[in-house]
Amino acid sequence: MDLLTMFLKGGVIMYAILLSSIIGVAVAIDKFILLHKSKVNVAAFMIKLRTLLKKHDVAGAIAFCNSEKTPAANIIKKGLKKIRFGHQRVKEALEDAGRQEISKLEKGLSTLATVAGIAPMLGFLGTVTGMVTAFQTIQDLMGAANPSDLAGGIWEALITTVFGLIVGIPAFAFYNFFTEKIKKLIADIEVISTDLIDIVEEASRIKKGNEDDDEISL
């Protein structure tokens, strides 16, 4: 028996399971593309950023972030635009931008988790309604039903559970996979943001020290 025939025998619940599978696949593809574009080489990124900032080339650092087009680069760019106001404003800008970028990264995860939970439940619902139909058959036959009268209805009812699990298990696996990838990416972003704050604070101390030296010499 081919998949189309099995699908049709599963009843109306199969359409709900199909819809949930389409949504799950769409979210998974979107997250794969997003996370692939969001990858950042922390060491290389910070070396380039430090080199530009040591030259006091803030404009160049912002241009570098624009060329990277990653969440980490977007966050750092927002901080660099506030660098002239001191490290506290930089820190606040990084925190605000970080919340926005993390929200973008996590978008769709709740949908994927919903698919992972609801698809098997829809399958169980289809099985239960199928079993109800089978018992109604027994009642209609006044208890004289033979196994062949019930077998077809029962296995057709179980099809929904099978398809529900086929959709739900991969959705749950992808949810955990994406969650771990996003956690790692957030950790990388925190490292980069902390390094930028350190660079700005160091520059502020050097500038203050130079000003103190000028006052002493006067």
C-alpha atoms as a PDB file:
ATOM      1  CA  MET A   1       0.000   0.000   0.000  1.00  0.00           C
ATOM      2  CA  ASP A   2       1.451   3.388  -1.012  1.00  0.00           C
ATOM      3  CA  LEU A   3       1.720   6.442   1.227  1.00  0.00           C
ATOM      4  CA  LEU A   4      -1.127   8.301  -0.481  1.00  0.00           C
ATOM      5  CA  THR A   5      -3.549   5.431   0.155  1.00  0.00           C
ATOM      6  CA  MET A   6      -2.432   5.191   3.781  1.00  0.00           C
ATOM      7  CA  PHE A   7      -2.807   8.943   4.144  1.00  0.00           C
ATOM      8  CA  LEU A   8      -6.366   8.899   2.809  1.00  0.00           C
ATOM      9  CA  LYS A   9      -7.316   5.975   5.037  1.00  0.00           C
ATOM     10  CA  GLY A  10      -6.134   7.926   8.079  1.00  0.00           C
ATOM     11  CA  GLY A  11      -9.067  10.290   7.823  1.00  0.00           C
ATOM     12  CA  VAL A  12      -9.419  14.016   8.361  1.00  0.00           C
ATOM     13  CA  ILE A  13      -6.858  14.106  11.200  1.00  0.00           C
ATOM     14  CA  MET A  14      -4.153  13.294   8.646  1.00  0.00           C
ATOM     15  CA  TYR A  15      -4.634  16.718   7.058  1.00  0.00           C
ATOM     16  CA  ALA A  16      -3.918  18.422  10.371  1.00  0.00           C
ATOM     17  CA  ILE A  17      -0.779  16.278  10.773  1.00  0.00           C
ATOM     18  CA  LEU A  18       0.256  17.172   7.215  1.00  0.00           C
ATOM     19  CA  LEU A  19      -0.186  20.879   7.950  1.00  0.00           C
ATOM     20  CA  SER A  20       1.928  20.604  11.103  1.00  0.00           C
ATOM     21  CA  SER A  21       4.647  18.791   9.142  1.00  0.00           C
ATOM     22  CA  ILE A  22       4.724  21.549   6.505  1.00  0.00           C
ATOM     23  CA  ILE A  23       5.023  24.201   9.212  1.00  0.00           C
ATOM     24  CA  GLY A  24       7.790  22.223  10.952  1.00  0.00           C
ATOM     25  CA  VAL A  25       9.778  21.786   7.730  1.00  0.00           C
ATOM     26  CA  ALA A  26       9.424  25.491   6.872  1.00  0.00           C
ATOM     27  CA  VAL A  27      10.676  26.562  10.314  1.00  0.00           C
ATOM     28  CA  ALA A  28      13.570  24.057  10.217  1.00  0.00           C
ATOM     29  CA  ILE A  29      14.751  25.280   6.809  1.00  0.00           C
ATOM     30  CA  ASP A  30      14.513  28.909   7.937  1.00  0.00           C
ATOM     31  CA  LYS A  31      16.547  28.199  11.087  1.00  0.00           C
ATOM     32  CA  PHE A  32      19.204  26.288   9.125  1.00  0.00           C
ATOM     33  CA  ILE A  33      19.668  29.231   6.762  1.00  0.00           C
ATOM     34  CA  LEU A  34      19.651  31.799   9.586  1.00  0.00           C
ATOM     35  CA  LEU A  35      22.169  29.940  11.745  1.00  0.00           C
ATOM     36  CA  HIS A  36      24.448  29.315   8.773  1.00  0.00           C
ATOM     37  CA  LYS A  37      24.528  33.056   8.051  1.00  0.00           C
ATOM     38  CA  SER A  38      25.016  33.836  11.746  1.00  0.00           C
ATOM     39  CA  LYS A  39      28.242  31.864  12.199  1.00  0.00           C
ATOM     40  CA  VAL A  40      31.151  33.945  13.384  1.00  0.00           C
ATOM     41  CA  ASN A  41      34.838  33.200  13.870  1.00  0.00           C
ATOM     42  CA  VAL A  42      35.313  34.871  17.246  1.00  0.00           C
ATOM     43  CA  ALA A  43      39.135  34.957  17.158  1.00  0.00           C
ATOM     44  CA  ALA A  44      39.392  36.367  13.632  1.00  0.00           C
ATOM     45  CA  PHE A  45      36.597  38.860  14.254  1.00  0.00           C
ATOM     46  CA  MET A  46      38.201  40.225  17.422  1.00  0.00           C
ATOM     47  CA  ILE A  47      41.684  40.449  15.881  1.00  0.00           C
ATOM     48  CA  LYS A  48      40.341  42.596  13.047  1.00  0.00           C
ATOM     49  CA  LEU A  49      38.223  44.694  15.402  1.00  0.00           C
ATOM     50  CA  ARG A  50      41.084  45.290  17.850  1.00  0.00           C
ATOM     51  CA  THR A  51      43.422  46.257  15.021  1.00  0.00           C
ATOM     52  CA  LEU A  52      41.004  48.893  13.752  1.00  0.00           C
ATOM     53  CA  LEU A  53      40.187  50.283  17.189  1.00  0.00           C
ATOM     54  CA  LYS A  54      43.859  50.515  18.191  1.00  0.00           C
ATOM     55  CA  LYS A  55      44.226  52.791  15.180  1.00  0.00           C
ATOM     56  CA  HIS A  56      41.202  54.747  16.477  1.00  0.00           C
ATOM     57  CA  ASP A  57      39.466  53.883  13.213  1.00  0.00           C
ATOM     58  CA  VAL A  58      35.908  53.612  14.543  1.00  0.00           C
ATOM     59  CA  ALA A  59      34.436  54.287  11.097  1.00  0.00           C
ATOM     60  CA  GLY A  60      36.507  51.447   9.679  1.00  0.00           C
ATOM     61  CA  ALA A  61      35.335  49.137  12.487  1.00  0.00           C
ATOM     62  CA  ILE A  62      31.700  50.013  11.732  1.00  0.00           C
ATOM     63  CA  ALA A  63      32.290  49.379   8.024  1.00  0.00           C
ATOM     64  CA  PHE A  64      33.852  46.015   8.910  1.00  0.00           C
ATOM     65  CA  CYS A  65      30.761  45.088  10.946  1.00  0.00           C
ATOM     66  CA  ASN A  66      28.527  46.087   8.036  1.00  0.00           C
ATOM     67  CA  SER A  67      30.464  43.752   5.748  1.00  0.00           C
ATOM     68  CA  GLU A  68      30.126  40.807   8.145  1.00  0.00           C
ATOM     69  CA  LYS A  69      26.299  40.890   8.319  1.00  0.00           C
ATOM     70  CA  THR A  70      26.036  38.556  11.325  1.00  0.00           C
ATOM     71  CA  PRO A  71      24.121  39.052  14.603  1.00  0.00           C
ATOM     72  CA  ALA A  72      27.426  39.543  16.437  1.00  0.00           C
ATOM     73  CA  ALA A  73      28.525  42.203  13.939  1.00  0.00           C
ATOM     74  CA  ASN A  74      25.149  43.971  14.165  1.00  0.00           C
ATOM     75  CA  ILE A  75      25.421  44.121  17.951  1.00  0.00           C
ATOM     76  CA  ILE A  76      29.005  45.394  17.925  1.00  0.00           C
ATOM     77  CA  LYS A  77      28.080  48.022  15.323  1.00  0.00           C
ATOM     78  CA  LYS A  78      25.390  49.416  17.639  1.00  0.00           C
ATOM     79  CA  GLY A  79      27.968  49.631  20.436  1.00  0.00           C
ATOM     80  CA  LEU A  80      30.578  51.307  18.227  1.00  0.00           C
ATOM     81  CA  LYS A  81      28.111  54.025  17.266  1.00  0.00           C
ATOM     82  CA  LYS A  82      27.951  55.009  20.971  1.00  0.00           C
ATOM     83  CA  ILE A  83      31.677  54.780  21.628  1.00  0.00           C
ATOM     84  CA  ARG A  84      32.147  58.544  21.857  1.00  0.00           C
ATOM     85  CA  PHE A  85      29.753  58.640  24.841  1.00  0.00           C
ATOM     86  CA  GLY A  86      31.855  56.308  26.981  1.00  0.00           C
ATOM     87  CA  HIS A  87      31.886  52.637  27.896  1.00  0.00           C
ATOM     88  CA  GLN A  88      28.623  52.781  29.889  1.00  0.00           C
ATOM     89  CA  ARG A  89      26.631  53.910  26.852  1.00  0.00           C
ATOM     90  CA  VAL A  90      28.428  51.290  24.768  1.00  0.00           C
ATOM     91  CA  LYS A  91      27.441  48.612  27.270  1.00  0.00           C
ATOM     92  CA  GLU A  92      23.798  49.717  27.231  1.00  0.00           C
ATOM     93  CA  ALA A  93      23.741  49.755  23.420  1.00  0.00           C
ATOM     94  CA  LEU A  94      25.237  46.262  23.295  1.00  0.00           C
ATOM     95  CA  GLU A  95      22.635  44.939  25.743  1.00  0.00           C
ATOM     96  CA  ASP A  96      19.730  46.456  23.797  1.00  0.00           C
ATOM     97  CA  ALA A  97      21.038  45.207  20.452  1.00  0.00           C
ATOM     98  CA  GLY A  98      21.776  41.811  21.974  1.00  0.00           C
ATOM     99  CA  ARG A  99      18.182  41.359  23.114  1.00  0.00           C
ATOM    100  CA  GLN A 100      16.926  42.225  19.634  1.00  0.00           C
ATOM    101  CA  GLU A 101      19.299  39.840  17.848  1.00  0.00           C
ATOM    102  CA  ILE A 102      18.650  36.983  20.281  1.00  0.00           C
ATOM    103  CA  SER A 103      14.919  37.453  19.760  1.00  0.00           C
ATOM    104  CA  LYS A 104      15.469  37.079  16.007  1.00  0.00           C
ATOM    105  CA  LEU A 105      17.572  33.953  16.511  1.00  0.00           C
ATOM    106  CA  GLU A 106      14.961  32.329  18.752  1.00  0.00           C
ATOM    107  CA  LYS A 107      12.031  33.242  16.497  1.00  0.00           C
ATOM    108  CA  GLY A 108      10.244  30.093  15.343  1.00  0.00           C
ATOM    109  CA  LEU A 109      11.588  27.801  18.066  1.00  0.00           C
ATOM    110  CA  SER A 110       8.304  27.895  19.964  1.00  0.00           C
ATOM    111  CA  THR A 111       6.488  26.957  16.742  1.00  0.00           C
ATOM    112  CA  LEU A 112       8.810  23.998  16.244  1.00  0.00           C
ATOM    113  CA  ALA A 113       8.260  22.907  19.840  1.00  0.00           C
ATOM    114  CA  THR A 114       4.494  23.160  19.296  1.00  0.00           C
ATOM    115  CA  VAL A 115       4.728  20.941  16.200  1.00  0.00           C
ATOM    116  CA  ALA A 116       6.821  18.420  18.157  1.00  0.00           C
ATOM    117  CA  GLY A 117       4.140  18.268  20.834  1.00  0.00           C
ATOM    118  CA  ILE A 118       0.958  18.540  18.829  1.00  0.00           C
ATOM    119  CA  ALA A 119       1.687  16.133  15.947  1.00  0.00           C
ATOM    120  CA  PRO A 120       1.802  12.990  18.152  1.00  0.00           C
ATOM    121  CA  MET A 121      -1.262  14.218  20.043  1.00  0.00           C
ATOM    122  CA  LEU A 122      -3.139  14.610  16.775  1.00  0.00           C
ATOM    123  CA  GLY A 123      -2.068  11.083  15.910  1.00  0.00           C
ATOM    124  CA  PHE A 124      -3.412   9.757  19.202  1.00  0.00           C
ATOM    125  CA  LEU A 125      -6.644  11.670  18.636  1.00  0.00           C
ATOM    126  CA  GLY A 126      -7.053  10.014  15.245  1.00  0.00           C
ATOM    127  CA  THR A 127      -6.434   6.613  16.792  1.00  0.00           C
ATOM    128  CA  VAL A 128      -8.964   7.186  19.560  1.00  0.00           C
ATOM    129  CA  THR A 129     -11.653   8.344  17.135  1.00  0.00           C
ATOM    130  CA  GLY A 130     -10.866   5.327  14.957  1.00  0.00           C
ATOM    131  CA  MET A 131     -11.265   2.990  17.921  1.00  0.00           C
ATOM    132  CA  VAL A 132     -14.586   4.632  18.750  1.00  0.00           C
ATOM    133  CA  THR A 133     -15.719   3.840  15.209  1.00  0.00           C
ATOM    134  CA  ALA A 134     -14.563   0.232  15.611  1.00  0.00           C
ATOM    135  CA  PHE A 135     -16.577  -0.189  18.805  1.00  0.00           C
ATOM    136  CA  GLN A 136     -19.579   1.373  17.143  1.00  0.00           C
ATOM    137  CA  THR A 137     -19.269  -1.356  14.524  1.00  0.00           C
ATOM    138  CA  ILE A 138     -19.408  -3.980  17.258  1.00  0.00           C
ATOM    139  CA  GLN A 139     -22.538  -2.357  18.637  1.00  0.00           C
ATOM    140  CA  ASP A 140     -24.177  -2.191  15.203  1.00  0.00           C
ATOM    141  CA  LEU A 141     -23.479  -5.900  14.655  1.00  0.00           C
ATOM    142  CA  MET A 142     -24.993  -6.688  18.066  1.00  0.00           C
ATOM    143  CA  GLY A 143     -21.689  -8.105  19.327  1.00  0.00           C
ATOM    144  CA  ALA A 144     -21.477 -10.598  16.488  1.00  0.00           C
ATOM    145  CA  ALA A 145     -18.509  -8.915  14.791  1.00  0.00           C
ATOM    146  CA  ASN A 146     -15.636 -11.139  13.763  1.00  0.00           C
ATOM    147  CA  PRO A 147     -11.966 -10.054  13.815  1.00  0.00           C
ATOM    148  CA  SER A 148     -11.976  -9.221  10.108  1.00  0.00           C
ATOM    149  CA  ASP A 149     -14.771  -6.705  10.675  1.00  0.00           C
ATOM    150  CA  LEU A 150     -12.622  -4.822  13.181  1.00  0.00           C
ATOM    151  CA  ALA A 151      -9.057  -5.314  11.948  1.00  0.00           C
ATOM    152  CA  GLY A 152      -9.360  -2.899   9.042  1.00  0.00           C
ATOM    153  CA  GLY A 153     -10.804  -0.116  11.160  1.00  0.00           C
ATOM    154  CA  ILE A 154      -8.239  -0.572  13.923  1.00  0.00           C
ATOM    155  CA  TRP A 155      -5.137  -0.530  11.739  1.00  0.00           C
ATOM    156  CA  GLU A 156      -6.474   2.453   9.818  1.00  0.00           C
ATOM    157  CA  ALA A 157      -6.920   4.224  13.156  1.00  0.00           C
ATOM    158  CA  LEU A 158      -3.322   3.459  14.139  1.00  0.00           C
ATOM    159  CA  ILE A 159      -2.015   5.059  10.943  1.00  0.00           C
ATOM    160  CA  THR A 160      -2.579   8.518  12.426  1.00  0.00           C
ATOM    161  CA  THR A 161      -0.410   7.702  15.445  1.00  0.00           C
ATOM    162  CA  VAL A 162       2.373   6.460  13.173  1.00  0.00           C
ATOM    163  CA  PHE A 163       2.325   9.600  11.041  1.00  0.00           C
ATOM    164  CA  GLY A 164       2.023  11.818  14.093  1.00  0.00           C
ATOM    165  CA  LEU A 165       5.168  10.299  15.571  1.00  0.00           C
ATOM    166  CA  ILE A 166       6.967  10.509  12.218  1.00  0.00           C
ATOM    167  CA  VAL A 167       6.361  14.259  12.270  1.00  0.00           C
ATOM    168  CA  GLY A 168       6.791  14.848  16.004  1.00  0.00           C
ATOM    169  CA  ILE A 169      10.065  13.020  16.637  1.00  0.00           C
ATOM    170  CA  PRO A 170      12.153  14.885  14.014  1.00  0.00           C
ATOM    171  CA  ALA A 171      10.562  18.191  15.053  1.00  0.00           C
ATOM    172  CA  PHE A 172      11.613  17.579  18.652  1.00  0.00           C
ATOM    173  CA  ALA A 173      15.138  16.613  17.552  1.00  0.00           C
ATOM    174  CA  PHE A 174      15.470  19.751  15.417  1.00  0.00           C
ATOM    175  CA  TYR A 175      14.172  21.897  18.284  1.00  0.00           C
ATOM    176  CA  ASN A 176      16.914  20.625  20.598  1.00  0.00           C
ATOM    177  CA  PHE A 177      19.540  20.932  17.842  1.00  0.00           C
ATOM    178  CA  PHE A 178      18.669  24.557  17.089  1.00  0.00           C
ATOM    179  CA  THR A 179      18.430  25.423  20.791  1.00  0.00           C
ATOM    180  CA  GLU A 180      21.985  24.204  21.394  1.00  0.00           C
ATOM    181  CA  LYS A 181      23.309  26.003  18.307  1.00  0.00           C
ATOM    182  CA  ILE A 182      21.690  29.262  19.410  1.00  0.00           C
ATOM    183  CA  LYS A 183      23.103  28.878  22.940  1.00  0.00           C
ATOM    184  CA  LYS A 184      26.603  28.520  21.487  1.00  0.00           C
ATOM    185  CA  LEU A 185      26.085  31.523  19.229  1.00  0.00           C
ATOM    186  CA  ILE A 186      24.858  33.615  22.160  1.00  0.00           C
ATOM    187  CA  ALA A 187      27.945  32.603  24.136  1.00  0.00           C
ATOM    188  CA  ASP A 188      30.162  33.761  21.239  1.00  0.00           C
ATOM    189  CA  ILE A 189      28.277  37.062  21.067  1.00  0.00           C
ATOM    190  CA  GLU A 190      28.780  37.591  24.818  1.00  0.00           C
ATOM    191  CA  VAL A 191      32.524  36.996  24.454  1.00  0.00           C
ATOM    192  CA  ILE A 192      32.788  39.519  21.615  1.00  0.00           C
ATOM    193  CA  SER A 193      30.658  42.095  23.454  1.00  0.00           C
ATOM    194  CA  THR A 194      32.717  41.747  26.630  1.00  0.00           C
ATOM    195  CA  ASP A 195      35.939  42.188  24.658  1.00  0.00           C
ATOM    196  CA  LEU A 196      34.597  45.369  23.051  1.00  0.00           C
ATOM    197  CA  ILE A 197      33.685  46.813  26.457  1.00  0.00           C
ATOM    198  CA  ASP A 198      37.199  45.981  27.696  1.00  0.00           C
ATOM    199  CA  ILE A 199      38.726  47.718  24.670  1.00  0.00           C
ATOM    200  CA  VAL A 200      36.617  50.841  25.237  1.00  0.00           C
ATOM    201  CA  GLU A 201      37.423  50.931  28.977  1.00  0.00           C
ATOM    202  CA  GLU A 202      41.125  50.490  28.216  1.00  0.00           C
ATOM    203  CA  ALA A 203      41.001  53.340  25.699  1.00  0.00           C
ATOM    204  CA  SER A 204      39.197  55.520  28.243  1.00  0.00           C
ATOM    205  CA  ARG A 205      41.871  54.857  30.901  1.00  0.00           C
ATOM    206  CA  ILE A 206      44.656  55.649  28.443  1.00  0.00           C
ATOM    207  CA  LYS A 207      42.930  58.875  27.407  1.00  0.00           C
ATOM    208  CA  LYS A 208      42.380  59.885  31.033  1.00  0.00           C
ATOM    209  CA  GLY A 209      45.995  59.076  31.854  1.00  0.00           C
ATOM    210  CA  ASN A 210      47.229  61.242  29.002  1.00  0.00           C
ATOM    211  CA  GLU A 211      45.029  64.130  30.166  1.00  0.00           C
ATOM    212  CA  ASP A 212      46.418  63.794  33.722  1.00  0.00           C
ATOM    213  CA  ASP A 213      49.965  63.822  32.355  1.00  0.00           C
ATOM    214  CA  ASP A 214      49.212  67.000  30.403  1.00  0.00           C
ATOM    215  CA  GLU A 215      47.847  68.686  33.541  1.00  0.00           C
ATOM    216  CA  ILE A 216      50.954  67.709  35.538  1.00  0.00           C
ATOM    217  CA  SER A 217      53.278  69.004  32.853  1.00  0.00           C
ATOM    218  CA  LEU A 218      51.426  72.320  32.894  1.00  0.00           C
END
